[in-house]
Amino acid sequence: MPAKNESGAVGLTISKINELNLVDEVIVVNDGSSDNTQEVAEQAGAKVVTHPYSKGNGAAIKTGARAASGDVIVFMDADGQHDPRDISSLLEKIEQGYDLVVGARQKGSQASVGRGIANSLYNNLASYMTEHTVEDLTSGFRAVRVDKFREFLYLLPNGFSYPTTSTMAFFRAGYSVTYVPIHAAKRIGKSHIQPMKDGVRFFLIIFKIATLFSPLKMFLPIAVILFLMATGWYGYTLYEFGRFTNMSALLYTGSVMIFLMGLISEQITALMYKDQT
């Protein structure tokens, strides 16, 4: 569990996990908290790894993955959103042979309407890219086989988009991914997500989804649209004025350049996964 200033919820969350007797160890990564998160977590019976300063949610996830001693890791939030009783459902799917099991939040579980809409767009785009149904791309409640997850630690960002990156990496590597329906409760304490940055974060995640799986699937439709626009404009100017215009040349050039960018990006992406193929 990554935790930054979660003293109000982390102790109760750990206690609920321990009551279930489902896991061998509970690791809390204290991401530079300014409150007594570390003390509360230790008193509740967790192993605490502390960052000397806040490095980000993704960095905490990577620290926890390196510190874990088991062959399966369950990631969940320390703020009370995730119900520890759902852990058994995630582990059951792992036992059935899946490599990554994601807790898919159902209706009513989103923090706000805006974030619900954004997550729906993420899921639809990821489904298009992977050609598999992606039920919840950004859920932080998940179980993974540790050996496979550690293959992609170098890809994971230090910020909040680690779920997106890891999910797409598993799909790209051909590993088995499935979903378990969960309900996420309202968090205890203040969210660390900054609403003003959500717009920029949205576009970054969109491009990350594309580059992590198949960039050409993102670039090719844009190139085709530009090519059709160029052809349409050329047909119009040829009919009306009997000539080929600079606008047509610009659109044709843009179409070719975007296609080539997608092709090069596709080769770079393939190199990123060369050790897993």
C-alpha atoms as a PDB file:
ATOM      1  CA  MET A   1       0.000   0.000   0.000  1.00  0.00           C
ATOM      2  CA  PRO A   2       1.410   3.381  -0.992  1.00  0.00           C
ATOM      3  CA  ALA A   3       0.576   5.889   1.721  1.00  0.00           C
ATOM      4  CA  LYS A   4       1.119   9.619   2.014  1.00  0.00           C
ATOM      5  CA  ASN A   5      -0.468  11.295   5.044  1.00  0.00           C
ATOM      6  CA  GLU A   6      -2.983   8.463   5.453  1.00  0.00           C
ATOM      7  CA  SER A   7      -2.851   8.126   9.260  1.00  0.00           C
ATOM      8  CA  GLY A   8      -6.629   8.420   9.438  1.00  0.00           C
ATOM      9  CA  ALA A   9      -7.287   5.252   7.417  1.00  0.00           C
ATOM     10  CA  VAL A  10      -4.140   3.131   7.080  1.00  0.00           C
ATOM     11  CA  GLY A  11      -4.369   1.493  10.518  1.00  0.00           C
ATOM     12  CA  LEU A  12      -7.956   0.333  10.014  1.00  0.00           C
ATOM     13  CA  THR A  13      -7.181  -0.916   6.502  1.00  0.00           C
ATOM     14  CA  ILE A  14      -4.239  -2.983   7.756  1.00  0.00           C
ATOM     15  CA  SER A  15      -6.299  -4.438  10.606  1.00  0.00           C
ATOM     16  CA  LYS A  16      -9.026  -5.530   8.191  1.00  0.00           C
ATOM     17  CA  ILE A  17      -6.453  -7.193   5.949  1.00  0.00           C
ATOM     18  CA  ASN A  18      -4.837  -9.073   8.816  1.00  0.00           C
ATOM     19  CA  GLU A  19      -8.208 -10.327  10.040  1.00  0.00           C
ATOM     20  CA  LEU A  20      -8.713 -12.146   6.748  1.00  0.00           C
ATOM     21  CA  ASN A  21      -5.505 -14.220   6.988  1.00  0.00           C
ATOM     22  CA  LEU A  22      -5.117 -14.122   3.207  1.00  0.00           C
ATOM     23  CA  VAL A  23      -1.663 -12.575   2.835  1.00  0.00           C
ATOM     24  CA  ASP A  24       1.780 -13.374   4.218  1.00  0.00           C
ATOM     25  CA  GLU A  25       2.869  -9.774   4.715  1.00  0.00           C
ATOM     26  CA  VAL A  26       1.469  -6.258   4.552  1.00  0.00           C
ATOM     27  CA  ILE A  27       3.883  -3.662   3.220  1.00  0.00           C
ATOM     28  CA  VAL A  28       3.134   0.029   3.550  1.00  0.00           C
ATOM     29  CA  VAL A  29       5.338   2.416   1.588  1.00  0.00           C
ATOM     30  CA  ASN A  30       5.340   5.678   3.508  1.00  0.00           C
ATOM     31  CA  ASP A  31       5.857   8.236   0.751  1.00  0.00           C
ATOM     32  CA  GLY A  32       7.376  11.083   2.752  1.00  0.00           C
ATOM     33  CA  SER A  33       4.344  11.611   5.006  1.00  0.00           C
ATOM     34  CA  SER A  34       4.313  14.633   7.280  1.00  0.00           C
ATOM     35  CA  ASP A  35       1.906  12.994   9.751  1.00  0.00           C
ATOM     36  CA  ASN A  36       2.279   9.795  11.803  1.00  0.00           C
ATOM     37  CA  THR A  37       1.372   7.390   8.984  1.00  0.00           C
ATOM     38  CA  GLN A  38       4.501   5.323   9.667  1.00  0.00           C
ATOM     39  CA  GLU A  39       3.786   4.872  13.374  1.00  0.00           C
ATOM     40  CA  VAL A  40       0.121   3.990  12.811  1.00  0.00           C
ATOM     41  CA  ALA A  41       1.016   1.434  10.125  1.00  0.00           C
ATOM     42  CA  GLU A  42       3.700  -0.193  12.263  1.00  0.00           C
ATOM     43  CA  GLN A  43       1.379  -0.412  15.267  1.00  0.00           C
ATOM     44  CA  ALA A  44      -1.225  -2.118  13.072  1.00  0.00           C
ATOM     45  CA  GLY A  45       1.317  -4.802  12.151  1.00  0.00           C
ATOM     46  CA  ALA A  46       2.594  -3.734   8.738  1.00  0.00           C
ATOM     47  CA  LYS A  47       6.131  -3.681   7.443  1.00  0.00           C
ATOM     48  CA  VAL A  48       6.853  -0.039   6.632  1.00  0.00           C
ATOM     49  CA  VAL A  49       9.311   1.181   4.018  1.00  0.00           C
ATOM     50  CA  THR A  50       9.769   4.953   4.186  1.00  0.00           C
ATOM     51  CA  HIS A  51      10.779   7.397   1.474  1.00  0.00           C
ATOM     52  CA  PRO A  52      12.766  10.333   2.906  1.00  0.00           C
ATOM     53  CA  TYR A  53      10.624  12.641   0.771  1.00  0.00           C
ATOM     54  CA  SER A  54       7.542  12.256  -1.407  1.00  0.00           C
ATOM     55  CA  LYS A  55       8.444  10.581  -4.706  1.00  0.00           C
ATOM     56  CA  GLY A  56       4.946   9.883  -6.011  1.00  0.00           C
ATOM     57  CA  ASN A  57       2.410   7.068  -6.023  1.00  0.00           C
ATOM     58  CA  GLY A  58       4.145   5.140  -8.800  1.00  0.00           C
ATOM     59  CA  ALA A  59       7.514   5.379  -7.049  1.00  0.00           C
ATOM     60  CA  ALA A  60       5.919   3.973  -3.897  1.00  0.00           C
ATOM     61  CA  ILE A  61       4.477   1.089  -5.901  1.00  0.00           C
ATOM     62  CA  LYS A  62       7.927   0.276  -7.308  1.00  0.00           C
ATOM     63  CA  THR A  63       9.495   0.393  -3.856  1.00  0.00           C
ATOM     64  CA  GLY A  64       6.833  -1.955  -2.521  1.00  0.00           C
ATOM     65  CA  ALA A  65       7.254  -4.359  -5.440  1.00  0.00           C
ATOM     66  CA  ARG A  66      10.992  -4.574  -4.782  1.00  0.00           C
ATOM     67  CA  ALA A  67      10.465  -5.123  -1.046  1.00  0.00           C
ATOM     68  CA  ALA A  68       7.817  -7.855  -1.408  1.00  0.00           C
ATOM     69  CA  SER A  69       8.941 -11.426  -0.745  1.00  0.00           C
ATOM     70  CA  GLY A  70       5.958 -13.346  -2.144  1.00  0.00           C
ATOM     71  CA  ASP A  71       5.234 -14.563  -5.657  1.00  0.00           C
ATOM     72  CA  VAL A  72       1.964 -12.602  -5.892  1.00  0.00           C
ATOM     73  CA  ILE A  73       1.463  -8.949  -4.946  1.00  0.00           C
ATOM     74  CA  VAL A  74      -1.839  -7.250  -4.178  1.00  0.00           C
ATOM     75  CA  PHE A  75      -1.785  -3.474  -4.605  1.00  0.00           C
ATOM     76  CA  MET A  76      -4.449  -1.376  -2.910  1.00  0.00           C
ATOM     77  CA  ASP A  77      -4.958   2.120  -1.564  1.00  0.00           C
ATOM     78  CA  ALA A  78      -4.415   2.963   2.087  1.00  0.00           C
ATOM     79  CA  ASP A  79      -7.215   5.550   2.200  1.00  0.00           C
ATOM     80  CA  GLY A  80     -10.129   3.202   2.869  1.00  0.00           C
ATOM     81  CA  GLN A  81     -11.508   3.141  -0.687  1.00  0.00           C
ATOM     82  CA  HIS A  82     -10.776  -0.527  -1.278  1.00  0.00           C
ATOM     83  CA  ASP A  83     -12.469  -3.303   0.666  1.00  0.00           C
ATOM     84  CA  PRO A  84      -9.916  -5.928   1.812  1.00  0.00           C
ATOM     85  CA  ARG A  85     -12.613  -8.592   1.503  1.00  0.00           C
ATOM     86  CA  ASP A  86     -12.246  -8.274  -2.290  1.00  0.00           C
ATOM     87  CA  ILE A  87      -8.668  -9.556  -2.062  1.00  0.00           C
ATOM     88  CA  SER A  88      -9.886 -13.151  -2.087  1.00  0.00           C
ATOM     89  CA  SER A  89     -11.650 -12.589  -5.426  1.00  0.00           C
ATOM     90  CA  LEU A  90      -8.455 -11.209  -6.959  1.00  0.00           C
ATOM     91  CA  LEU A  91      -6.332 -14.084  -5.676  1.00  0.00           C
ATOM     92  CA  GLU A  92      -8.870 -16.623  -6.924  1.00  0.00           C
ATOM     93  CA  LYS A  93      -8.354 -15.363 -10.467  1.00  0.00           C
ATOM     94  CA  ILE A  94      -4.579 -15.517 -10.046  1.00  0.00           C
ATOM     95  CA  GLU A  95      -4.933 -19.157  -9.007  1.00  0.00           C
ATOM     96  CA  GLN A  96      -6.924 -19.780 -12.189  1.00  0.00           C
ATOM     97  CA  GLY A  97      -3.860 -18.780 -14.226  1.00  0.00           C
ATOM     98  CA  TYR A  98      -4.198 -15.047 -14.840  1.00  0.00           C
ATOM     99  CA  ASP A  99      -1.120 -12.832 -14.568  1.00  0.00           C
ATOM    100  CA  LEU A 100      -2.874  -9.561 -13.731  1.00  0.00           C
ATOM    101  CA  VAL A 101      -6.255  -9.184 -12.028  1.00  0.00           C
ATOM    102  CA  VAL A 102      -7.751  -5.713 -11.748  1.00  0.00           C
ATOM    103  CA  GLY A 103     -10.541  -4.648  -9.412  1.00  0.00           C
ATOM    104  CA  ALA A 104     -12.975  -2.941 -11.804  1.00  0.00           C
ATOM    105  CA  ARG A 105     -14.936  -0.176 -10.089  1.00  0.00           C
ATOM    106  CA  GLN A 106     -18.667  -0.355 -10.688  1.00  0.00           C
ATOM    107  CA  LYS A 107     -21.132   2.532 -11.118  1.00  0.00           C
ATOM    108  CA  GLY A 108     -21.178   4.883  -8.175  1.00  0.00           C
ATOM    109  CA  SER A 109     -17.543   4.212  -7.313  1.00  0.00           C
ATOM    110  CA  GLN A 110     -16.032   7.182  -9.159  1.00  0.00           C
ATOM    111  CA  ALA A 111     -14.887  10.160  -7.095  1.00  0.00           C
ATOM    112  CA  SER A 112     -16.636  12.651  -9.403  1.00  0.00           C
ATOM    113  CA  VAL A 113     -18.634  12.810 -12.624  1.00  0.00           C
ATOM    114  CA  GLY A 114     -15.659  14.311 -14.465  1.00  0.00           C
ATOM    115  CA  ARG A 115     -13.288  11.563 -13.417  1.00  0.00           C
ATOM    116  CA  GLY A 116     -15.927   8.975 -14.267  1.00  0.00           C
ATOM    117  CA  ILE A 117     -16.210  10.346 -17.807  1.00  0.00           C
ATOM    118  CA  ALA A 118     -12.417  10.507 -18.179  1.00  0.00           C
ATOM    119  CA  ASN A 119     -12.017   6.911 -17.003  1.00  0.00           C
ATOM    120  CA  SER A 120     -14.698   5.795 -19.457  1.00  0.00           C
ATOM    121  CA  LEU A 121     -12.733   7.435 -22.284  1.00  0.00           C
ATOM    122  CA  TYR A 122      -9.517   5.765 -21.085  1.00  0.00           C
ATOM    123  CA  ASN A 123     -11.224   2.379 -21.041  1.00  0.00           C
ATOM    124  CA  ASN A 124     -12.693   2.785 -24.532  1.00  0.00           C
ATOM    125  CA  LEU A 125      -9.383   3.915 -26.004  1.00  0.00           C
ATOM    126  CA  ALA A 126      -7.493   1.073 -24.320  1.00  0.00           C
ATOM    127  CA  SER A 127     -10.088  -1.407 -25.594  1.00  0.00           C
ATOM    128  CA  TYR A 128      -9.555  -0.096 -29.122  1.00  0.00           C
ATOM    129  CA  MET A 129      -5.776  -0.307 -28.811  1.00  0.00           C
ATOM    130  CA  THR A 130      -5.661  -3.803 -27.309  1.00  0.00           C
ATOM    131  CA  GLU A 131      -8.751  -5.267 -29.048  1.00  0.00           C
ATOM    132  CA  HIS A 132      -9.776  -6.596 -25.636  1.00  0.00           C
ATOM    133  CA  THR A 133     -12.446  -5.223 -23.322  1.00  0.00           C
ATOM    134  CA  VAL A 134     -10.757  -3.028 -20.721  1.00  0.00           C
ATOM    135  CA  GLU A 135     -13.175  -2.560 -17.829  1.00  0.00           C
ATOM    136  CA  ASP A 136     -11.085  -0.287 -15.614  1.00  0.00           C
ATOM    137  CA  LEU A 137      -7.727   0.956 -16.849  1.00  0.00           C
ATOM    138  CA  THR A 138      -6.870   3.210 -13.899  1.00  0.00           C
ATOM    139  CA  SER A 139      -7.918   1.126 -10.884  1.00  0.00           C
ATOM    140  CA  GLY A 140      -5.164   0.856  -8.279  1.00  0.00           C
ATOM    141  CA  PHE A 141      -6.653  -2.282  -6.672  1.00  0.00           C
ATOM    142  CA  ARG A 142      -4.984  -5.214  -8.428  1.00  0.00           C
ATOM    143  CA  ALA A 143      -3.136  -8.499  -7.985  1.00  0.00           C
ATOM    144  CA  VAL A 144      -0.141  -9.497 -10.112  1.00  0.00           C
ATOM    145  CA  ARG A 145       2.433 -12.223 -10.449  1.00  0.00           C
ATOM    146  CA  VAL A 146       5.513 -10.540  -9.053  1.00  0.00           C
ATOM    147  CA  ASP A 147       8.033 -11.906 -11.559  1.00  0.00           C
ATOM    148  CA  LYS A 148       6.038 -10.523 -14.477  1.00  0.00           C
ATOM    149  CA  PHE A 149       5.316  -7.192 -12.794  1.00  0.00           C
ATOM    150  CA  ARG A 150       8.996  -6.591 -12.051  1.00  0.00           C
ATOM    151  CA  GLU A 151       9.771  -6.920 -15.757  1.00  0.00           C
ATOM    152  CA  PHE A 152       8.086  -3.558 -16.299  1.00  0.00           C
ATOM    153  CA  LEU A 153       9.293  -1.562 -13.301  1.00  0.00           C
ATOM    154  CA  TYR A 154      11.521   0.530 -15.564  1.00  0.00           C
ATOM    155  CA  LEU A 155       8.439   1.565 -17.570  1.00  0.00           C
ATOM    156  CA  LEU A 156       6.349   2.723 -14.627  1.00  0.00           C
ATOM    157  CA  PRO A 157       6.147   6.466 -13.982  1.00  0.00           C
ATOM    158  CA  ASN A 158       6.598   7.886 -10.500  1.00  0.00           C
ATOM    159  CA  GLY A 159       3.229   9.627 -10.639  1.00  0.00           C
ATOM    160  CA  PHE A 160      -0.371   8.433 -10.593  1.00  0.00           C
ATOM    161  CA  SER A 161      -0.555   6.678 -13.982  1.00  0.00           C
ATOM    162  CA  TYR A 162       1.194   3.452 -12.970  1.00  0.00           C
ATOM    163  CA  PRO A 163      -2.071   1.399 -13.316  1.00  0.00           C
ATOM    164  CA  THR A 164      -2.445   2.523 -16.927  1.00  0.00           C
ATOM    165  CA  THR A 165       1.180   1.772 -17.757  1.00  0.00           C
ATOM    166  CA  SER A 166       1.266  -1.640 -16.114  1.00  0.00           C
ATOM    167  CA  THR A 167      -2.040  -2.775 -17.635  1.00  0.00           C
ATOM    168  CA  MET A 168      -0.995  -1.825 -21.175  1.00  0.00           C
ATOM    169  CA  ALA A 169       2.435  -3.386 -20.666  1.00  0.00           C
ATOM    170  CA  PHE A 170       0.840  -6.695 -19.652  1.00  0.00           C
ATOM    171  CA  PHE A 171      -1.397  -6.643 -22.716  1.00  0.00           C
ATOM    172  CA  ARG A 172       1.541  -5.763 -24.980  1.00  0.00           C
ATOM    173  CA  ALA A 173       3.633  -8.618 -23.602  1.00  0.00           C
ATOM    174  CA  GLY A 174       0.811 -11.108 -24.183  1.00  0.00           C
ATOM    175  CA  TYR A 175       0.168 -11.837 -20.505  1.00  0.00           C
ATOM    176  CA  SER A 176      -3.302 -12.804 -19.254  1.00  0.00           C
ATOM    177  CA  VAL A 177      -5.400  -9.961 -17.824  1.00  0.00           C
ATOM    178  CA  THR A 178      -8.860 -10.132 -16.270  1.00  0.00           C
ATOM    179  CA  TYR A 179     -11.191  -8.074 -14.088  1.00  0.00           C
ATOM    180  CA  VAL A 180     -13.172  -8.544 -10.892  1.00  0.00           C
ATOM    181  CA  PRO A 181     -16.065  -6.180 -10.083  1.00  0.00           C
ATOM    182  CA  ILE A 182     -15.543  -4.117  -6.920  1.00  0.00           C
ATOM    183  CA  HIS A 183     -17.115  -1.143  -5.226  1.00  0.00           C
ATOM    184  CA  ALA A 184     -14.802   1.657  -4.149  1.00  0.00           C
ATOM    185  CA  ALA A 185     -15.937   3.603  -1.086  1.00  0.00           C
ATOM    186  CA  LYS A 186     -15.358   7.288  -0.451  1.00  0.00           C
ATOM    187  CA  ARG A 187     -11.781   7.869   0.646  1.00  0.00           C
ATOM    188  CA  ILE A 188     -10.886   8.908   4.177  1.00  0.00           C
ATOM    189  CA  GLY A 189      -8.940  12.156   4.223  1.00  0.00           C
ATOM    190  CA  LYS A 190      -7.972  14.531   1.429  1.00  0.00           C
ATOM    191  CA  SER A 191      -7.176  13.364  -2.087  1.00  0.00           C
ATOM    192  CA  HIS A 192      -3.655  14.027  -3.389  1.00  0.00           C
ATOM    193  CA  ILE A 193      -4.852  14.439  -6.982  1.00  0.00           C
ATOM    194  CA  GLN A 194      -4.814  18.069  -8.168  1.00  0.00           C
ATOM    195  CA  PRO A 195      -7.896  18.864 -10.295  1.00  0.00           C
ATOM    196  CA  MET A 196      -6.148  21.690 -12.191  1.00  0.00           C
ATOM    197  CA  LYS A 197      -3.721  19.189 -13.676  1.00  0.00           C
ATOM    198  CA  ASP A 198      -6.368  16.662 -14.722  1.00  0.00           C
ATOM    199  CA  GLY A 199      -6.649  18.072 -18.263  1.00  0.00           C
ATOM    200  CA  VAL A 200      -2.920  17.776 -18.940  1.00  0.00           C
ATOM    201  CA  ARG A 201      -2.827  14.410 -17.211  1.00  0.00           C
ATOM    202  CA  PHE A 202      -5.682  13.208 -19.442  1.00  0.00           C
ATOM    203  CA  PHE A 203      -3.792  13.947 -22.660  1.00  0.00           C
ATOM    204  CA  LEU A 204      -0.569  12.452 -21.288  1.00  0.00           C
ATOM    205  CA  ILE A 205      -2.371   9.229 -20.427  1.00  0.00           C
ATOM    206  CA  ILE A 206      -3.971   9.129 -23.879  1.00  0.00           C
ATOM    207  CA  PHE A 207      -0.556   9.284 -25.548  1.00  0.00           C
ATOM    208  CA  LYS A 208       0.906   6.860 -23.018  1.00  0.00           C
ATOM    209  CA  ILE A 209      -1.783   4.311 -23.849  1.00  0.00           C
ATOM    210  CA  ALA A 210      -0.911   4.619 -27.537  1.00  0.00           C
ATOM    211  CA  THR A 211       2.860   4.460 -27.170  1.00  0.00           C
ATOM    212  CA  LEU A 212       2.809   1.561 -24.732  1.00  0.00           C
ATOM    213  CA  PHE A 213       0.793  -0.710 -26.954  1.00  0.00           C
ATOM    214  CA  SER A 214       0.689   0.120 -30.657  1.00  0.00           C
ATOM    215  CA  PRO A 215       1.490   3.699 -31.697  1.00  0.00           C
ATOM    216  CA  LEU A 216       0.599   2.992 -35.311  1.00  0.00           C
ATOM    217  CA  LYS A 217      -3.023   2.340 -34.308  1.00  0.00           C
ATOM    218  CA  MET A 218      -3.130   5.901 -33.039  1.00  0.00           C
ATOM    219  CA  PHE A 219      -1.167   7.588 -35.839  1.00  0.00           C
ATOM    220  CA  LEU A 220      -2.656   5.705 -38.803  1.00  0.00           C
ATOM    221  CA  PRO A 221      -6.248   7.032 -38.515  1.00  0.00           C
ATOM    222  CA  ILE A 222      -4.901  10.602 -38.279  1.00  0.00           C
ATOM    223  CA  ALA A 223      -2.726  10.038 -41.347  1.00  0.00           C
ATOM    224  CA  VAL A 224      -5.684   8.587 -43.275  1.00  0.00           C
ATOM    225  CA  ILE A 225      -7.911  11.540 -42.344  1.00  0.00           C
ATOM    226  CA  LEU A 226      -5.270  14.019 -43.532  1.00  0.00           C
ATOM    227  CA  PHE A 227      -4.803  12.047 -46.757  1.00  0.00           C
ATOM    228  CA  LEU A 228      -8.542  12.098 -47.452  1.00  0.00           C
ATOM    229  CA  MET A 229      -8.704  15.819 -46.679  1.00  0.00           C
ATOM    230  CA  ALA A 230      -5.801  16.440 -49.057  1.00  0.00           C
ATOM    231  CA  THR A 231      -7.439  14.396 -51.792  1.00  0.00           C
ATOM    232  CA  GLY A 232     -10.790  16.086 -51.274  1.00  0.00           C
ATOM    233  CA  TRP A 233      -9.261  19.570 -51.385  1.00  0.00           C
ATOM    234  CA  TYR A 234      -7.191  18.655 -54.449  1.00  0.00           C
ATOM    235  CA  GLY A 235     -10.307  17.402 -56.211  1.00  0.00           C
ATOM    236  CA  TYR A 236     -12.124  20.631 -55.386  1.00  0.00           C
ATOM    237  CA  THR A 237      -9.313  22.955 -56.509  1.00  0.00           C
ATOM    238  CA  LEU A 238      -8.689  20.909 -59.646  1.00  0.00           C
ATOM    239  CA  TYR A 239     -12.354  21.114 -60.593  1.00  0.00           C
ATOM    240  CA  GLU A 240     -12.803  24.798 -59.730  1.00  0.00           C
ATOM    241  CA  PHE A 241      -9.412  26.277 -60.614  1.00  0.00           C
ATOM    242  CA  GLY A 242      -7.603  23.564 -62.548  1.00  0.00           C
ATOM    243  CA  ARG A 243      -4.569  23.474 -60.278  1.00  0.00           C
ATOM    244  CA  PHE A 244      -2.846  21.753 -57.347  1.00  0.00           C
ATOM    245  CA  THR A 245      -2.609  24.078 -54.321  1.00  0.00           C
ATOM    246  CA  ASN A 246      -0.145  24.456 -51.461  1.00  0.00           C
ATOM    247  CA  MET A 247      -2.825  23.359 -49.009  1.00  0.00           C
ATOM    248  CA  SER A 248      -3.129  19.987 -50.709  1.00  0.00           C
ATOM    249  CA  ALA A 249       0.645  19.611 -50.674  1.00  0.00           C
ATOM    250  CA  LEU A 250       0.740  20.489 -46.970  1.00  0.00           C
ATOM    251  CA  LEU A 251      -1.979  17.977 -46.093  1.00  0.00           C
ATOM    252  CA  TYR A 252      -0.350  15.221 -48.159  1.00  0.00           C
ATOM    253  CA  THR A 253       3.021  15.944 -46.535  1.00  0.00           C
ATOM    254  CA  GLY A 254       1.477  15.930 -43.056  1.00  0.00           C
ATOM    255  CA  SER A 255      -0.243  12.631 -43.781  1.00  0.00           C
ATOM    256  CA  VAL A 256       3.005  10.951 -44.860  1.00  0.00           C
ATOM    257  CA  MET A 257       4.988  12.391 -41.939  1.00  0.00           C
ATOM    258  CA  ILE A 258       2.447  11.263 -39.326  1.00  0.00           C
ATOM    259  CA  PHE A 259       2.333   7.784 -40.853  1.00  0.00           C
ATOM    260  CA  LEU A 260       6.137   7.548 -40.748  1.00  0.00           C
ATOM    261  CA  MET A 261       6.167   8.798 -37.144  1.00  0.00           C
ATOM    262  CA  GLY A 262       3.733   6.037 -36.234  1.00  0.00           C
ATOM    263  CA  LEU A 263       5.841   3.460 -38.042  1.00  0.00           C
ATOM    264  CA  ILE A 264       9.029   4.526 -36.259  1.00  0.00           C
ATOM    265  CA  SER A 265       7.228   4.653 -32.897  1.00  0.00           C
ATOM    266  CA  GLU A 266       5.972   1.129 -33.516  1.00  0.00           C
ATOM    267  CA  GLN A 267       9.540  -0.121 -33.963  1.00  0.00           C
ATOM    268  CA  ILE A 268      10.703   1.679 -30.819  1.00  0.00           C
ATOM    269  CA  THR A 269       7.836   0.172 -28.834  1.00  0.00           C
ATOM    270  CA  ALA A 270       8.777  -3.296 -30.090  1.00  0.00           C
ATOM    271  CA  LEU A 271      12.331  -2.758 -28.820  1.00  0.00           C
ATOM    272  CA  MET A 272      10.973  -1.875 -25.363  1.00  0.00           C
ATOM    273  CA  TYR A 273       9.467  -5.355 -25.090  1.00  0.00           C
ATOM    274  CA  LYS A 274      12.196  -7.343 -26.807  1.00  0.00           C
ATOM    275  CA  ASP A 275      13.142  -9.155 -23.587  1.00  0.00           C
ATOM    276  CA  GLN A 276       9.540 -10.302 -23.032  1.00  0.00           C
ATOM    277  CA  THR A 277       8.883 -11.627 -26.541  1.00  0.00           C
END
